[in-house]
Amino acid sequence: SNRMCTKDELGHGPDSVKVLGRMPRSILGVQVVHPRSDVLTRSQLDVVDGVVHALRNEIPWAVSGLDLAVVVAPFQVPDDEVARAAEACNEVLFIHMEDPYALHANSEKVKTALASGKPVWVSTNDTSAMDHYRGLVGDRVIACPSLSMPEETSHKPVAHYFDVVICGYAYPSRIRTVSALLPRLAGLRVQLIGDGWREAGFDALPTMSALDTMKWYSMTRAVVCLHRTTGDCVDGPVAPRLVARGYVEGYYGARVFVDRLRSDHPFEGGEVEWFDGVDDLVCKLRAYLGGDVH
């Protein structure tokens, strides 16, 4: 499943062989563990619904049972639910949707499952987190390509068609920020990407696949990343702590501007441009793009 656009895929070819090789029987009993819908963001809810729908209707070897516990959105699943699932089932598969934004919290859930002594698998949505999880579960790590760096990396921009791209669902905090920001970017070529913006009265492109989004990033000079805040949706028992937005957005060379709403991040000096609020962002965009920003 894809956090940006629901897919009916999980893992690439080699990983599929690795997983299927451990499933020789025609039927596998699966138990799905996931948070209540009211503690999920819209994109997370899409993934949960997609996984549950696939297991119930599209994967012929999955029936209700205790062979495999599939834990979805682990950083919002309480520890006791993870422990119960691991004790009850023969193996556990985590599907992570927030890597590496919640790497610490996700890792703690994996350790909780490992305490049962059962084999634990991790499907991560960012290839940069794979080595970390290998340190916990060995080679039982799967990368979902639609959620990590796209495998097709040959696309190169022929020109910078946009000055600024802002991508993400139109949560209330983002709407407030963008409403204050856009009038001060008059004269620049700005593109919003994500669901909810049109309903809020903005001109925007809908959510698209990760690869298509990367191509948009490749055509812009600057990408602005806005973290959601408390109040945008009901936060789970453990909020994402580690900030890593900027890796994918800047892959093709766009300068990435990230707000400081989360203090823990892996970037070293100069790798991204941090900003505090709209005024600071405007000043830094002006310095990078030139004198057109006011």
C-alpha atoms as a PDB file:
ATOM      1  CA  SER A   1       0.000   0.000   0.000  1.00  0.00           C
ATOM      2  CA  ASN A   2       1.134   3.516  -0.777  1.00  0.00           C
ATOM      3  CA  ARG A   3       0.763   6.306   1.752  1.00  0.00           C
ATOM      4  CA  MET A   4       0.349   8.852  -1.052  1.00  0.00           C
ATOM      5  CA  CYS A   5      -1.937   6.830  -3.344  1.00  0.00           C
ATOM      6  CA  THR A   6      -3.452   3.453  -2.476  1.00  0.00           C
ATOM      7  CA  LYS A   7      -1.790   0.600  -4.379  1.00  0.00           C
ATOM      8  CA  ASP A   8      -2.377  -3.147  -4.567  1.00  0.00           C
ATOM      9  CA  GLU A   9       1.311  -3.934  -4.240  1.00  0.00           C
ATOM     10  CA  LEU A  10       3.566  -4.801  -1.339  1.00  0.00           C
ATOM     11  CA  GLY A  11       7.272  -5.116  -1.952  1.00  0.00           C
ATOM     12  CA  HIS A  12       9.225  -5.536  -5.168  1.00  0.00           C
ATOM     13  CA  GLY A  13      10.128  -8.738  -7.028  1.00  0.00           C
ATOM     14  CA  PRO A  14      12.945 -10.081  -4.815  1.00  0.00           C
ATOM     15  CA  ASP A  15      10.982  -9.341  -1.651  1.00  0.00           C
ATOM     16  CA  SER A  16       7.867 -10.997  -3.075  1.00  0.00           C
ATOM     17  CA  VAL A  17       9.856 -14.168  -3.752  1.00  0.00           C
ATOM     18  CA  LYS A  18      11.332 -14.023  -0.250  1.00  0.00           C
ATOM     19  CA  VAL A  19       7.893 -13.724   1.336  1.00  0.00           C
ATOM     20  CA  LEU A  20       6.114 -16.238  -0.901  1.00  0.00           C
ATOM     21  CA  GLY A  21       8.915 -18.718  -0.318  1.00  0.00           C
ATOM     22  CA  ARG A  22       7.899 -18.816   3.340  1.00  0.00           C
ATOM     23  CA  MET A  23       4.247 -19.435   2.488  1.00  0.00           C
ATOM     24  CA  PRO A  24       4.149 -22.901   0.884  1.00  0.00           C
ATOM     25  CA  ARG A  25       0.632 -23.674   2.014  1.00  0.00           C
ATOM     26  CA  SER A  26      -2.392 -22.590  -0.002  1.00  0.00           C
ATOM     27  CA  ILE A  27      -4.060 -21.013   3.030  1.00  0.00           C
ATOM     28  CA  LEU A  28      -2.560 -18.690   5.637  1.00  0.00           C
ATOM     29  CA  GLY A  29      -4.474 -17.523   8.676  1.00  0.00           C
ATOM     30  CA  VAL A  30      -4.056 -13.754   9.091  1.00  0.00           C
ATOM     31  CA  GLN A  31      -5.028 -11.446  11.938  1.00  0.00           C
ATOM     32  CA  VAL A  32      -4.991  -7.703  11.171  1.00  0.00           C
ATOM     33  CA  VAL A  33      -4.142  -5.312  14.024  1.00  0.00           C
ATOM     34  CA  HIS A  34      -4.574  -1.586  13.463  1.00  0.00           C
ATOM     35  CA  PRO A  35      -5.565   1.534  15.400  1.00  0.00           C
ATOM     36  CA  ARG A  36      -9.066   2.928  15.626  1.00  0.00           C
ATOM     37  CA  SER A  37      -9.941   5.037  12.620  1.00  0.00           C
ATOM     38  CA  ASP A  38     -10.273   8.182  14.751  1.00  0.00           C
ATOM     39  CA  VAL A  39      -6.530   8.207  15.545  1.00  0.00           C
ATOM     40  CA  LEU A  40      -5.437   7.904  11.909  1.00  0.00           C
ATOM     41  CA  THR A  41      -4.717  10.608   9.386  1.00  0.00           C
ATOM     42  CA  ARG A  42      -6.622  10.452   6.118  1.00  0.00           C
ATOM     43  CA  SER A  43      -3.661   8.966   4.237  1.00  0.00           C
ATOM     44  CA  GLN A  44      -3.093   6.375   6.983  1.00  0.00           C
ATOM     45  CA  LEU A  45      -6.775   5.423   6.927  1.00  0.00           C
ATOM     46  CA  ASP A  46      -6.516   4.887   3.148  1.00  0.00           C
ATOM     47  CA  VAL A  47      -3.610   2.489   3.709  1.00  0.00           C
ATOM     48  CA  VAL A  48      -5.358   0.588   6.513  1.00  0.00           C
ATOM     49  CA  ASP A  49      -8.520   0.240   4.437  1.00  0.00           C
ATOM     50  CA  GLY A  50      -6.446  -0.875   1.447  1.00  0.00           C
ATOM     51  CA  VAL A  51      -4.584  -3.537   3.442  1.00  0.00           C
ATOM     52  CA  VAL A  52      -7.737  -4.880   5.085  1.00  0.00           C
ATOM     53  CA  HIS A  53      -9.602  -4.904   1.757  1.00  0.00           C
ATOM     54  CA  ALA A  54      -6.742  -6.717   0.021  1.00  0.00           C
ATOM     55  CA  LEU A  55      -6.481  -9.387   2.714  1.00  0.00           C
ATOM     56  CA  ARG A  56     -10.229  -9.986   2.738  1.00  0.00           C
ATOM     57  CA  ASN A  57     -10.968  -9.847  -0.972  1.00  0.00           C
ATOM     58  CA  GLU A  58      -7.864  -9.976  -3.175  1.00  0.00           C
ATOM     59  CA  ILE A  59      -5.290 -12.319  -1.612  1.00  0.00           C
ATOM     60  CA  PRO A  60      -6.527 -15.894  -1.989  1.00  0.00           C
ATOM     61  CA  TRP A  61      -4.276 -17.422   0.659  1.00  0.00           C
ATOM     62  CA  ALA A  62      -5.373 -15.051   3.464  1.00  0.00           C
ATOM     63  CA  VAL A  63      -8.126 -16.195   5.779  1.00  0.00           C
ATOM     64  CA  SER A  64      -8.921 -15.348   9.385  1.00  0.00           C
ATOM     65  CA  GLY A  65      -6.474 -17.107  11.662  1.00  0.00           C
ATOM     66  CA  LEU A  66      -3.352 -16.985  13.822  1.00  0.00           C
ATOM     67  CA  ASP A  67      -0.492 -17.849  11.443  1.00  0.00           C
ATOM     68  CA  LEU A  68       0.470 -14.229  10.802  1.00  0.00           C
ATOM     69  CA  ALA A  69      -0.353 -11.003  12.636  1.00  0.00           C
ATOM     70  CA  VAL A  70      -0.290  -8.001  10.289  1.00  0.00           C
ATOM     71  CA  VAL A  71       0.223  -4.839  12.358  1.00  0.00           C
ATOM     72  CA  VAL A  72      -0.600  -1.637  10.443  1.00  0.00           C
ATOM     73  CA  ALA A  73       0.432   1.913  11.487  1.00  0.00           C
ATOM     74  CA  PRO A  74       2.433   0.626  14.470  1.00  0.00           C
ATOM     75  CA  PHE A  75       3.338   3.950  16.059  1.00  0.00           C
ATOM     76  CA  GLN A  76      -0.356   4.475  16.825  1.00  0.00           C
ATOM     77  CA  VAL A  77      -1.046   0.944  18.049  1.00  0.00           C
ATOM     78  CA  PRO A  78      -0.857   0.594  21.866  1.00  0.00           C
ATOM     79  CA  ASP A  79       1.956  -1.598  23.185  1.00  0.00           C
ATOM     80  CA  ASP A  80      -0.428  -4.058  24.830  1.00  0.00           C
ATOM     81  CA  GLU A  81      -2.190  -4.723  21.514  1.00  0.00           C
ATOM     82  CA  VAL A  82       1.160  -5.402  19.829  1.00  0.00           C
ATOM     83  CA  ALA A  83       2.139  -7.766  22.653  1.00  0.00           C
ATOM     84  CA  ARG A  84      -1.185  -9.659  22.464  1.00  0.00           C
ATOM     85  CA  ALA A  85      -0.900 -10.048  18.679  1.00  0.00           C
ATOM     86  CA  ALA A  86       2.681 -11.325  18.923  1.00  0.00           C
ATOM     87  CA  GLU A  87       1.802 -13.840  21.641  1.00  0.00           C
ATOM     88  CA  ALA A  88      -1.233 -15.140  19.757  1.00  0.00           C
ATOM     89  CA  CYS A  89       0.271 -15.536  16.267  1.00  0.00           C
ATOM     90  CA  ASN A  90       3.155 -17.570  14.881  1.00  0.00           C
ATOM     91  CA  GLU A  91       4.772 -14.634  13.029  1.00  0.00           C
ATOM     92  CA  VAL A  92       4.322 -10.858  12.968  1.00  0.00           C
ATOM     93  CA  LEU A  93       4.537  -8.444  10.021  1.00  0.00           C
ATOM     94  CA  PHE A  94       4.666  -4.703  10.679  1.00  0.00           C
ATOM     95  CA  ILE A  95       3.552  -2.365   7.891  1.00  0.00           C
ATOM     96  CA  HIS A  96       5.104   1.036   8.623  1.00  0.00           C
ATOM     97  CA  MET A  97       3.596   4.120   7.019  1.00  0.00           C
ATOM     98  CA  GLU A  98       5.535   6.897   8.696  1.00  0.00           C
ATOM     99  CA  ASP A  99       9.192   5.957   8.182  1.00  0.00           C
ATOM    100  CA  PRO A 100      11.436   7.572   8.919  1.00  0.00           C
ATOM    101  CA  TYR A 101       9.240  10.196  10.610  1.00  0.00           C
ATOM    102  CA  ALA A 102       8.435   7.816  13.482  1.00  0.00           C
ATOM    103  CA  LEU A 103      11.480   5.559  13.378  1.00  0.00           C
ATOM    104  CA  HIS A 104      12.019   5.578  17.153  1.00  0.00           C
ATOM    105  CA  ALA A 105       8.391   4.869  18.010  1.00  0.00           C
ATOM    106  CA  ASN A 106       8.082   2.175  15.342  1.00  0.00           C
ATOM    107  CA  SER A 107      11.259   0.494  16.574  1.00  0.00           C
ATOM    108  CA  GLU A 108       9.903   0.280  20.108  1.00  0.00           C
ATOM    109  CA  LYS A 109       6.819  -1.553  18.777  1.00  0.00           C
ATOM    110  CA  VAL A 110       9.057  -4.009  16.935  1.00  0.00           C
ATOM    111  CA  LYS A 111      11.029  -4.654  20.139  1.00  0.00           C
ATOM    112  CA  THR A 112       7.744  -5.291  21.966  1.00  0.00           C
ATOM    113  CA  ALA A 113       6.857  -7.972  19.416  1.00  0.00           C
ATOM    114  CA  LEU A 114      10.365  -9.467  19.479  1.00  0.00           C
ATOM    115  CA  ALA A 115      10.021 -10.012  23.240  1.00  0.00           C
ATOM    116  CA  SER A 116       7.521 -12.788  22.445  1.00  0.00           C
ATOM    117  CA  GLY A 117      10.272 -14.811  20.778  1.00  0.00           C
ATOM    118  CA  LYS A 118       8.262 -15.051  17.537  1.00  0.00           C
ATOM    119  CA  PRO A 119       9.709 -14.208  14.077  1.00  0.00           C
ATOM    120  CA  VAL A 120       9.030 -10.545  13.262  1.00  0.00           C
ATOM    121  CA  TRP A 121       8.996  -8.970   9.796  1.00  0.00           C
ATOM    122  CA  VAL A 122       9.031  -5.253   8.958  1.00  0.00           C
ATOM    123  CA  SER A 123       7.701  -3.669   5.769  1.00  0.00           C
ATOM    124  CA  THR A 124       9.161  -0.167   5.747  1.00  0.00           C
ATOM    125  CA  ASN A 125       8.089   2.747   3.601  1.00  0.00           C
ATOM    126  CA  ASP A 126      11.552   4.281   3.366  1.00  0.00           C
ATOM    127  CA  THR A 127      14.686   2.535   2.176  1.00  0.00           C
ATOM    128  CA  SER A 128      16.845   4.718   4.403  1.00  0.00           C
ATOM    129  CA  ALA A 129      15.354   2.920   7.426  1.00  0.00           C
ATOM    130  CA  MET A 130      16.104  -0.609   6.201  1.00  0.00           C
ATOM    131  CA  ASP A 131      19.544  -0.964   7.804  1.00  0.00           C
ATOM    132  CA  HIS A 132      18.112   0.183  11.121  1.00  0.00           C
ATOM    133  CA  TYR A 133      15.433  -2.520  11.041  1.00  0.00           C
ATOM    134  CA  ARG A 134      17.920  -5.156   9.888  1.00  0.00           C
ATOM    135  CA  GLY A 135      19.675  -4.508  13.180  1.00  0.00           C
ATOM    136  CA  LEU A 136      16.457  -5.586  14.909  1.00  0.00           C
ATOM    137  CA  VAL A 137      15.001  -8.366  12.738  1.00  0.00           C
ATOM    138  CA  GLY A 138      17.845  -9.449  10.440  1.00  0.00           C
ATOM    139  CA  ASP A 139      16.916 -10.048   6.810  1.00  0.00           C
ATOM    140  CA  ARG A 140      13.179 -10.061   7.541  1.00  0.00           C
ATOM    141  CA  VAL A 141      12.821  -6.525   6.132  1.00  0.00           C
ATOM    142  CA  ILE A 142      10.714  -5.618   3.093  1.00  0.00           C
ATOM    143  CA  ALA A 143      10.805  -2.261   1.252  1.00  0.00           C
ATOM    144  CA  CYS A 144       7.572  -1.144  -0.348  1.00  0.00           C
ATOM    145  CA  PRO A 145       8.892   0.711  -3.433  1.00  0.00           C
ATOM    146  CA  SER A 146       5.868   2.959  -3.827  1.00  0.00           C
ATOM    147  CA  LEU A 147       6.537   4.277  -0.335  1.00  0.00           C
ATOM    148  CA  SER A 148      10.308   4.551  -0.591  1.00  0.00           C
ATOM    149  CA  MET A 149      12.642   6.009  -3.192  1.00  0.00           C
ATOM    150  CA  PRO A 150      11.117   5.221  -6.606  1.00  0.00           C
ATOM    151  CA  GLU A 151      13.064   2.568  -8.493  1.00  0.00           C
ATOM    152  CA  GLU A 152      12.918   4.645 -11.671  1.00  0.00           C
ATOM    153  CA  THR A 153      15.544   7.302 -10.994  1.00  0.00           C
ATOM    154  CA  SER A 154      16.524   8.197 -14.555  1.00  0.00           C
ATOM    155  CA  HIS A 155      14.093  11.098 -14.911  1.00  0.00           C
ATOM    156  CA  LYS A 156      15.914  14.397 -15.182  1.00  0.00           C
ATOM    157  CA  PRO A 157      14.327  17.837 -15.501  1.00  0.00           C
ATOM    158  CA  VAL A 158      14.704  19.741 -18.754  1.00  0.00           C
ATOM    159  CA  ALA A 159      13.766  23.001 -17.038  1.00  0.00           C
ATOM    160  CA  HIS A 160      12.513  24.376 -13.739  1.00  0.00           C
ATOM    161  CA  TYR A 161       8.848  24.935 -14.560  1.00  0.00           C
ATOM    162  CA  PHE A 162       7.969  25.982 -10.997  1.00  0.00           C
ATOM    163  CA  ASP A 163       9.557  28.126  -8.338  1.00  0.00           C
ATOM    164  CA  VAL A 164       7.831  26.553  -5.323  1.00  0.00           C
ATOM    165  CA  VAL A 165       5.951  23.263  -4.807  1.00  0.00           C
ATOM    166  CA  ILE A 166       4.007  22.484  -1.608  1.00  0.00           C
ATOM    167  CA  CYS A 167       2.837  18.870  -1.287  1.00  0.00           C
ATOM    168  CA  GLY A 168       0.557  17.267   1.286  1.00  0.00           C
ATOM    169  CA  TYR A 169      -3.016  16.962   2.459  1.00  0.00           C
ATOM    170  CA  ALA A 170      -4.752  20.257   3.272  1.00  0.00           C
ATOM    171  CA  TYR A 171      -4.868  19.965   7.050  1.00  0.00           C
ATOM    172  CA  PRO A 172      -6.153  23.049   8.919  1.00  0.00           C
ATOM    173  CA  SER A 173      -2.666  24.162  10.004  1.00  0.00           C
ATOM    174  CA  ARG A 174      -1.385  23.916   6.430  1.00  0.00           C
ATOM    175  CA  ILE A 175      -4.354  25.863   5.103  1.00  0.00           C
ATOM    176  CA  ARG A 176      -3.586  28.668   7.566  1.00  0.00           C
ATOM    177  CA  THR A 177       0.087  28.722   6.596  1.00  0.00           C
ATOM    178  CA  VAL A 178      -0.539  28.605   2.842  1.00  0.00           C
ATOM    179  CA  SER A 179      -3.267  31.252   3.064  1.00  0.00           C
ATOM    180  CA  ALA A 180      -0.756  33.634   4.635  1.00  0.00           C
ATOM    181  CA  LEU A 181       2.068  32.570   2.336  1.00  0.00           C
ATOM    182  CA  LEU A 182       0.557  32.689  -1.169  1.00  0.00           C
ATOM    183  CA  PRO A 183      -0.146  36.455  -1.308  1.00  0.00           C
ATOM    184  CA  ARG A 184       3.516  37.039  -0.489  1.00  0.00           C
ATOM    185  CA  LEU A 185       4.638  34.753  -3.321  1.00  0.00           C
ATOM    186  CA  ALA A 186       2.847  36.791  -6.002  1.00  0.00           C
ATOM    187  CA  GLY A 187       4.742  36.630  -9.283  1.00  0.00           C
ATOM    188  CA  LEU A 188       6.255  33.220  -8.540  1.00  0.00           C
ATOM    189  CA  ARG A 189       5.129  29.966 -10.106  1.00  0.00           C
ATOM    190  CA  VAL A 190       3.659  28.036  -7.149  1.00  0.00           C
ATOM    191  CA  GLN A 191       2.035  24.583  -7.304  1.00  0.00           C
ATOM    192  CA  LEU A 192       0.020  22.876  -4.556  1.00  0.00           C
ATOM    193  CA  ILE A 193      -0.279  19.076  -4.673  1.00  0.00           C
ATOM    194  CA  GLY A 194      -2.621  17.080  -2.470  1.00  0.00           C
ATOM    195  CA  ASP A 195      -6.215  16.330  -1.554  1.00  0.00           C
ATOM    196  CA  GLY A 196      -8.384  18.818   0.304  1.00  0.00           C
ATOM    197  CA  TRP A 197      -6.929  21.986  -1.254  1.00  0.00           C
ATOM    198  CA  ARG A 198      -9.580  22.352  -3.943  1.00  0.00           C
ATOM    199  CA  GLU A 199     -12.354  21.915  -1.400  1.00  0.00           C
ATOM    200  CA  ALA A 200     -10.706  24.697   0.610  1.00  0.00           C
ATOM    201  CA  GLY A 201     -10.770  27.020  -2.425  1.00  0.00           C
ATOM    202  CA  PHE A 202      -7.190  26.620  -3.689  1.00  0.00           C
ATOM    203  CA  ASP A 203      -5.989  25.725  -7.168  1.00  0.00           C
ATOM    204  CA  ALA A 204      -4.189  22.403  -6.711  1.00  0.00           C
ATOM    205  CA  LEU A 205      -3.363  19.044  -8.239  1.00  0.00           C
ATOM    206  CA  PRO A 206      -4.824  15.966  -6.519  1.00  0.00           C
ATOM    207  CA  THR A 207      -2.707  13.427  -4.665  1.00  0.00           C
ATOM    208  CA  MET A 208      -0.726  11.319  -7.117  1.00  0.00           C
ATOM    209  CA  SER A 209       1.682   8.401  -7.071  1.00  0.00           C
ATOM    210  CA  ALA A 210       5.079   8.745  -5.398  1.00  0.00           C
ATOM    211  CA  LEU A 211       6.895   8.540  -8.747  1.00  0.00           C
ATOM    212  CA  ASP A 212       4.713  11.217 -10.346  1.00  0.00           C
ATOM    213  CA  THR A 213       5.190  13.426  -7.293  1.00  0.00           C
ATOM    214  CA  MET A 214       8.955  13.002  -7.605  1.00  0.00           C
ATOM    215  CA  LYS A 215       8.754  14.191 -11.195  1.00  0.00           C
ATOM    216  CA  TRP A 216       6.992  17.355 -10.030  1.00  0.00           C
ATOM    217  CA  TYR A 217       9.735  17.869  -7.455  1.00  0.00           C
ATOM    218  CA  SER A 218      12.301  17.538 -10.232  1.00  0.00           C
ATOM    219  CA  MET A 219      10.734  20.474 -12.079  1.00  0.00           C
ATOM    220  CA  THR A 220      10.830  22.976  -9.238  1.00  0.00           C
ATOM    221  CA  ARG A 221      13.467  25.168  -7.643  1.00  0.00           C
ATOM    222  CA  ALA A 222      12.169  24.906  -4.066  1.00  0.00           C
ATOM    223  CA  VAL A 223       9.934  22.511  -2.125  1.00  0.00           C
ATOM    224  CA  VAL A 224       8.223  23.609   1.098  1.00  0.00           C
ATOM    225  CA  CYS A 225       7.490  20.858   3.673  1.00  0.00           C
ATOM    226  CA  LEU A 226       4.829  21.574   6.297  1.00  0.00           C
ATOM    227  CA  HIS A 227       4.402  19.102   9.160  1.00  0.00           C
ATOM    228  CA  ARG A 228       0.923  18.546  10.463  1.00  0.00           C
ATOM    229  CA  THR A 229       0.324  19.789  13.996  1.00  0.00           C
ATOM    230  CA  THR A 230      -1.719  18.665  16.977  1.00  0.00           C
ATOM    231  CA  GLY A 231      -5.330  19.414  16.133  1.00  0.00           C
ATOM    232  CA  ASP A 232      -5.020  18.559  12.446  1.00  0.00           C
ATOM    233  CA  CYS A 233      -6.267  15.085  13.319  1.00  0.00           C
ATOM    234  CA  VAL A 234      -6.524  13.019  16.487  1.00  0.00           C
ATOM    235  CA  ASP A 235      -2.957  12.081  17.384  1.00  0.00           C
ATOM    236  CA  GLY A 236      -2.228   8.569  18.520  1.00  0.00           C
ATOM    237  CA  PRO A 237      -0.627   7.475  21.806  1.00  0.00           C
ATOM    238  CA  VAL A 238       2.848   8.006  20.321  1.00  0.00           C
ATOM    239  CA  ALA A 239       3.446  10.931  17.962  1.00  0.00           C
ATOM    240  CA  PRO A 240       6.165  10.790  15.282  1.00  0.00           C
ATOM    241  CA  ARG A 241       9.396  12.124  16.773  1.00  0.00           C
ATOM    242  CA  LEU A 242      12.126  11.835  14.174  1.00  0.00           C
ATOM    243  CA  VAL A 243      11.869  14.355  11.327  1.00  0.00           C
ATOM    244  CA  ALA A 244      13.242  13.276   7.946  1.00  0.00           C
ATOM    245  CA  ARG A 245      11.147  15.134   5.393  1.00  0.00           C
ATOM    246  CA  GLY A 246      13.480  16.468   2.760  1.00  0.00           C
ATOM    247  CA  TYR A 247      15.208  13.325   1.475  1.00  0.00           C
ATOM    248  CA  VAL A 248      12.629  12.503  -1.198  1.00  0.00           C
ATOM    249  CA  GLU A 249      11.659  16.093  -1.923  1.00  0.00           C
ATOM    250  CA  GLY A 250      15.230  17.132  -2.649  1.00  0.00           C
ATOM    251  CA  TYR A 251      16.310  13.986  -4.496  1.00  0.00           C
ATOM    252  CA  TYR A 252      16.537  15.713  -7.895  1.00  0.00           C
ATOM    253  CA  GLY A 253      18.116  18.900  -6.602  1.00  0.00           C
ATOM    254  CA  ALA A 254      15.291  21.147  -5.421  1.00  0.00           C
ATOM    255  CA  ARG A 255      16.121  23.175  -2.313  1.00  0.00           C
ATOM    256  CA  VAL A 256      13.960  21.918   0.553  1.00  0.00           C
ATOM    257  CA  PHE A 257      12.485  24.248   3.177  1.00  0.00           C
ATOM    258  CA  VAL A 258      11.224  22.493   6.330  1.00  0.00           C
ATOM    259  CA  ASP A 259       9.418  24.002   9.321  1.00  0.00           C
ATOM    260  CA  ARG A 260      10.875  23.496  12.805  1.00  0.00           C
ATOM    261  CA  LEU A 261       7.725  22.048  14.355  1.00  0.00           C
ATOM    262  CA  ARG A 262       9.583  18.847  15.230  1.00  0.00           C
ATOM    263  CA  SER A 263      12.948  19.234  16.889  1.00  0.00           C
ATOM    264  CA  ASP A 264      14.487  15.786  16.351  1.00  0.00           C
ATOM    265  CA  HIS A 265      15.881  15.374  12.841  1.00  0.00           C
ATOM    266  CA  PRO A 266      18.795  13.601  11.083  1.00  0.00           C
ATOM    267  CA  PHE A 267      19.939  16.459   8.871  1.00  0.00           C
ATOM    268  CA  GLU A 268      23.320  18.079   9.278  1.00  0.00           C
ATOM    269  CA  GLY A 269      23.965  21.757   8.732  1.00  0.00           C
ATOM    270  CA  GLY A 270      23.058  23.003   5.271  1.00  0.00           C
ATOM    271  CA  GLU A 271      21.241  19.900   4.059  1.00  0.00           C
ATOM    272  CA  VAL A 272      17.825  21.541   4.301  1.00  0.00           C
ATOM    273  CA  GLU A 273      16.638  25.081   4.981  1.00  0.00           C
ATOM    274  CA  TRP A 274      14.794  25.311   8.307  1.00  0.00           C
ATOM    275  CA  PHE A 275      12.232  28.058   8.885  1.00  0.00           C
ATOM    276  CA  ASP A 276      10.139  29.359  11.769  1.00  0.00           C
ATOM    277  CA  GLY A 277       6.768  30.609  10.548  1.00  0.00           C
ATOM    278  CA  VAL A 278       5.651  32.416   7.407  1.00  0.00           C
ATOM    279  CA  ASP A 279       7.801  35.542   7.842  1.00  0.00           C
ATOM    280  CA  ASP A 280      10.994  33.515   8.170  1.00  0.00           C
ATOM    281  CA  LEU A 281      10.020  31.314   5.224  1.00  0.00           C
ATOM    282  CA  VAL A 282       9.403  34.332   2.991  1.00  0.00           C
ATOM    283  CA  CYS A 283      12.799  35.802   3.892  1.00  0.00           C
ATOM    284  CA  LYS A 284      14.582  32.528   3.142  1.00  0.00           C
ATOM    285  CA  LEU A 285      12.700  31.947  -0.106  1.00  0.00           C
ATOM    286  CA  ARG A 286      13.606  35.512  -1.136  1.00  0.00           C
ATOM    287  CA  ALA A 287      17.266  34.859  -0.412  1.00  0.00           C
ATOM    288  CA  TYR A 288      17.231  31.641  -2.419  1.00  0.00           C
ATOM    289  CA  LEU A 289      14.966  32.551  -5.340  1.00  0.00           C
ATOM    290  CA  GLY A 290      15.844  36.200  -5.670  1.00  0.00           C
ATOM    291  CA  GLY A 291      14.055  39.471  -5.105  1.00  0.00           C
ATOM    292  CA  ASP A 292      10.651  38.394  -6.448  1.00  0.00           C
ATOM    293  CA  VAL A 293       9.409  37.273  -3.023  1.00  0.00           C
ATOM    294  CA  HIS A 294       7.981  40.032  -0.799  1.00  0.00           C
END
